Amino acid sequence: MHSFRISSEYINDGFQAVQAEPGDTEDVISLLVETAEWLQSQGSSQWSALLKGEDSHDTTGAIRRGDVFVFNKGADVAGMVILMRQPSPWDVHLWGSKAHAEDGAVYLHRLAIRRKYAQTGLGRSILQWSSTGIQFAEKHMVRLDCGANNATLNAFYARNGYTFVGETGGFNTYEKPVERLPEILTTG
């Protein structure tokens, strides 16, 4: 298990941030599929493999590893994010020699919002929470990627303090430093 501390348990008007548990798997997968369907309705093929039952980020395994965090509003899983403490093969592909187990980075994937909570600022709040509301032992950087041709998403990351690092195979990479904690109080 890796150590972390959630310093901001509530965000954006009462959404509670918690580490996902195996019992949340069905709700998390449902949220991802809902998001993939919405993206498809907008003309995007992003996350379309989820509609065929394919999950390149092994969300179920990520939940078991403790890398998934959900944002609950009452009984609803309103949003989620995967914060991988070990780079995935995809991360290694994009980040090259920078990506290794001791690189001090958390890799952000699959930030998703249930559609009924869209336009509430929850996505921005989860993105900000990922670099300020949770701290991981020995991690001082959040890294993420997105399609290079997705101007809206690229602008969103830049507007929220992420620095463009480069482009690899049609994907832009971004990173943002976070405060490194000398000790972590809660383990997960």
Protein backbone atom coordinates (compact mmCIF):
# COMPACT_ATOMS: atom_id res chain seq x y z
CA MET A 1 0.00 0.00 0.00
CA HIS A 2 1.08 3.52 -0.72
CA SER A 3 0.62 6.36 1.72
CA PHE A 4 -1.50 9.37 0.98
CA ARG A 5 -3.45 12.04 2.79
CA ILE A 6 -6.68 13.63 1.65
CA SER A 7 -6.45 17.21 2.88
CA SER A 8 -9.67 18.40 1.20
CA GLU A 9 -12.41 15.87 1.89
CA TYR A 10 -15.16 18.04 0.40
CA ILE A 11 -15.05 20.03 -2.83
CA ASN A 12 -17.41 22.10 -4.93
CA ASP A 13 -20.41 22.45 -2.64
CA GLY A 14 -20.53 19.14 -0.82
CA PHE A 15 -18.97 16.51 -3.08
CA GLN A 16 -17.06 14.11 -0.82
CA ALA A 17 -13.70 12.83 -2.06
CA VAL A 18 -12.99 9.22 -1.05
CA GLN A 19 -10.82 6.39 -2.24
CA ALA A 20 -12.97 4.02 -4.32
CA GLU A 21 -13.60 0.57 -2.89
CA PRO A 22 -14.39 -2.66 -4.78
CA GLY A 23 -18.09 -2.08 -4.03
CA ASP A 24 -17.90 1.12 -6.12
CA THR A 25 -16.74 -0.70 -9.26
CA GLU A 26 -20.15 -0.96 -10.93
CA ASP A 27 -20.90 2.76 -10.35
CA VAL A 28 -17.45 3.80 -11.59
CA ILE A 29 -17.72 1.69 -14.77
CA SER A 30 -21.23 3.05 -15.34
CA LEU A 31 -19.90 6.60 -15.05
CA LEU A 32 -17.10 5.88 -17.54
CA VAL A 33 -19.51 4.32 -20.05
CA GLU A 34 -21.92 7.26 -19.63
CA THR A 35 -19.02 9.62 -20.34
CA ALA A 36 -17.91 7.61 -23.39
CA GLU A 37 -21.49 7.68 -24.74
CA TRP A 38 -21.63 11.45 -24.23
CA LEU A 39 -18.26 11.92 -25.92
CA GLN A 40 -19.50 9.86 -28.87
CA SER A 41 -22.67 12.01 -29.06
CA GLN A 42 -20.35 15.03 -29.35
CA GLY A 43 -18.51 13.48 -32.31
CA SER A 44 -15.49 12.30 -30.31
CA SER A 45 -14.07 8.79 -30.42
CA GLN A 46 -12.25 9.36 -27.12
CA TRP A 47 -12.86 6.47 -24.69
CA SER A 48 -14.93 4.65 -27.36
CA ALA A 49 -13.30 1.32 -26.48
CA LEU A 50 -15.27 1.43 -23.22
CA LEU A 51 -18.45 1.07 -25.29
CA LYS A 52 -17.12 -2.29 -26.54
CA GLY A 53 -16.23 -3.43 -23.01
CA GLU A 54 -12.52 -2.68 -23.41
CA ASP A 55 -10.79 -0.76 -20.62
CA SER A 56 -7.20 0.18 -21.38
CA HIS A 57 -6.76 1.58 -17.88
CA ASP A 58 -7.99 -1.58 -16.08
CA THR A 59 -10.29 0.44 -13.85
CA THR A 60 -11.25 -2.61 -11.78
CA GLY A 61 -7.56 -3.30 -11.07
CA ALA A 62 -6.96 0.40 -10.40
CA ILE A 63 -9.73 0.33 -7.78
CA ARG A 64 -8.14 -2.74 -6.15
CA ARG A 65 -4.74 -0.98 -6.13
CA GLY A 66 -6.27 2.11 -4.51
CA ASP A 67 -5.65 4.41 -7.49
CA VAL A 68 -9.27 5.50 -8.04
CA PHE A 69 -10.92 8.33 -6.17
CA VAL A 70 -14.63 9.08 -6.36
CA PHE A 71 -16.56 12.22 -5.58
CA ASN A 72 -19.90 11.41 -4.02
CA LYS A 73 -22.97 13.59 -3.72
CA GLY A 74 -25.13 11.65 -1.29
CA ALA A 75 -25.45 8.14 -2.73
CA ASP A 76 -24.34 9.26 -6.24
CA VAL A 77 -20.86 8.73 -7.62
CA ALA A 78 -20.85 12.15 -9.29
CA GLY A 79 -17.25 12.13 -10.53
CA MET A 80 -14.04 10.17 -10.47
CA VAL A 81 -10.37 10.25 -11.31
CA ILE A 82 -7.60 7.66 -11.53
CA LEU A 83 -4.35 8.78 -9.89
CA MET A 84 -1.81 6.09 -10.74
CA ARG A 85 1.18 5.99 -8.45
CA GLN A 86 3.06 3.74 -10.86
CA PRO A 87 3.22 4.69 -14.55
CA SER A 88 1.22 2.47 -16.87
CA PRO A 89 2.67 1.13 -20.14
CA TRP A 90 0.81 4.02 -21.85
CA ASP A 91 2.54 6.53 -19.56
CA VAL A 92 5.92 4.97 -20.30
CA HIS A 93 5.16 5.21 -24.03
CA LEU A 94 4.31 8.92 -23.75
CA TRP A 95 6.82 10.03 -21.13
CA GLY A 96 9.74 7.80 -22.13
CA SER A 97 12.65 7.65 -19.70
CA LYS A 98 10.95 10.17 -17.38
CA ALA A 99 8.33 7.55 -16.42
CA HIS A 100 9.50 5.04 -13.85
CA ALA A 101 8.36 3.87 -10.43
CA GLU A 102 10.54 6.36 -8.52
CA ASP A 103 9.94 9.39 -10.75
CA GLY A 104 7.97 11.30 -8.10
CA ALA A 105 4.91 11.59 -10.34
CA VAL A 106 1.28 10.60 -10.09
CA TYR A 107 -0.36 9.91 -13.47
CA LEU A 108 -3.87 11.30 -13.85
CA HIS A 109 -6.31 9.37 -16.06
CA ARG A 110 -10.06 9.11 -16.64
CA LEU A 111 -11.32 12.25 -14.96
CA ALA A 112 -15.07 11.86 -15.52
CA ILE A 113 -18.23 13.63 -14.37
CA ARG A 114 -21.73 12.18 -14.34
CA ARG A 115 -23.66 14.21 -16.94
CA LYS A 116 -26.25 15.48 -14.46
CA TYR A 117 -23.39 17.28 -12.67
CA ALA A 118 -21.91 18.76 -15.86
CA GLN A 119 -21.59 22.55 -15.98
CA THR A 120 -21.21 22.75 -12.18
CA GLY A 121 -17.42 23.21 -12.18
CA LEU A 122 -16.95 19.73 -10.72
CA GLY A 123 -14.44 18.69 -13.41
CA ARG A 124 -12.26 21.73 -12.71
CA SER A 125 -12.57 21.10 -8.96
CA ILE A 126 -11.50 17.45 -9.32
CA LEU A 127 -8.54 18.50 -11.48
CA GLN A 128 -7.49 21.06 -8.88
CA TRP A 129 -8.08 18.58 -6.03
CA SER A 130 -5.74 16.11 -7.77
CA SER A 131 -2.82 18.49 -7.20
CA THR A 132 -3.89 20.26 -3.99
CA GLY A 133 -6.48 18.18 -2.11
CA ILE A 134 -4.53 14.94 -1.87
CA GLN A 135 -0.86 14.33 -1.24
CA PHE A 136 1.06 11.14 -1.85
CA ALA A 137 4.26 10.14 -0.07
CA GLU A 138 7.29 10.73 -2.29
CA LYS A 139 5.22 12.26 -5.11
CA HIS A 140 5.70 15.88 -6.16
CA MET A 141 4.25 16.01 -9.67
CA VAL A 142 0.95 15.26 -11.42
CA ARG A 143 1.25 14.24 -15.07
CA LEU A 144 -1.49 13.80 -17.64
CA ASP A 145 -2.06 13.60 -21.37
CA CYS A 146 -4.75 14.35 -23.91
CA GLY A 147 -5.26 14.33 -27.65
CA ALA A 148 -3.11 17.00 -29.28
CA ASN A 149 -6.01 18.04 -31.52
CA ASN A 150 -8.47 18.57 -28.63
CA ALA A 151 -8.14 22.36 -28.30
CA THR A 152 -10.76 22.61 -25.55
CA LEU A 153 -9.10 20.03 -23.31
CA ASN A 154 -5.60 21.40 -23.93
CA ALA A 155 -6.79 24.90 -22.99
CA PHE A 156 -8.53 23.50 -19.89
CA TYR A 157 -5.29 21.93 -18.60
CA ALA A 158 -3.22 25.04 -19.35
CA ARG A 159 -5.82 27.27 -17.66
CA ASN A 160 -5.59 25.09 -14.55
CA GLY A 161 -1.84 25.43 -14.09
CA TYR A 162 -0.55 22.44 -16.05
CA THR A 163 2.56 23.07 -18.13
CA PHE A 164 2.79 21.67 -21.65
CA VAL A 165 5.78 19.32 -21.83
CA GLY A 166 5.61 17.90 -25.34
CA GLU A 167 3.78 15.86 -27.97
CA THR A 168 4.16 12.18 -28.73
CA GLY A 169 2.19 10.39 -31.42
CA GLY A 170 -0.71 12.83 -31.42
CA PHE A 171 -0.93 13.22 -27.64
CA ASN A 172 0.15 16.24 -25.61
CA THR A 173 1.71 15.77 -22.19
CA TYR A 174 1.31 18.12 -19.25
CA GLU A 175 2.62 18.24 -15.71
CA LYS A 176 2.10 20.28 -12.59
CA PRO A 177 4.26 20.33 -9.46
CA VAL A 178 2.61 19.72 -6.10
CA GLU A 179 3.86 20.36 -2.61
CA ARG A 180 5.82 17.43 -1.27
CA LEU A 181 4.87 16.39 2.24
CA PRO A 182 7.51 15.36 4.76
CA GLU A 183 5.13 12.81 6.29
CA ILE A 184 1.77 11.35 5.46
CA LEU A 185 -0.78 10.85 8.21
CA THR A 186 -3.30 8.49 6.58
CA THR A 187 -2.53 5.38 4.60
CA GLY A 188 -4.59 3.95 1.83
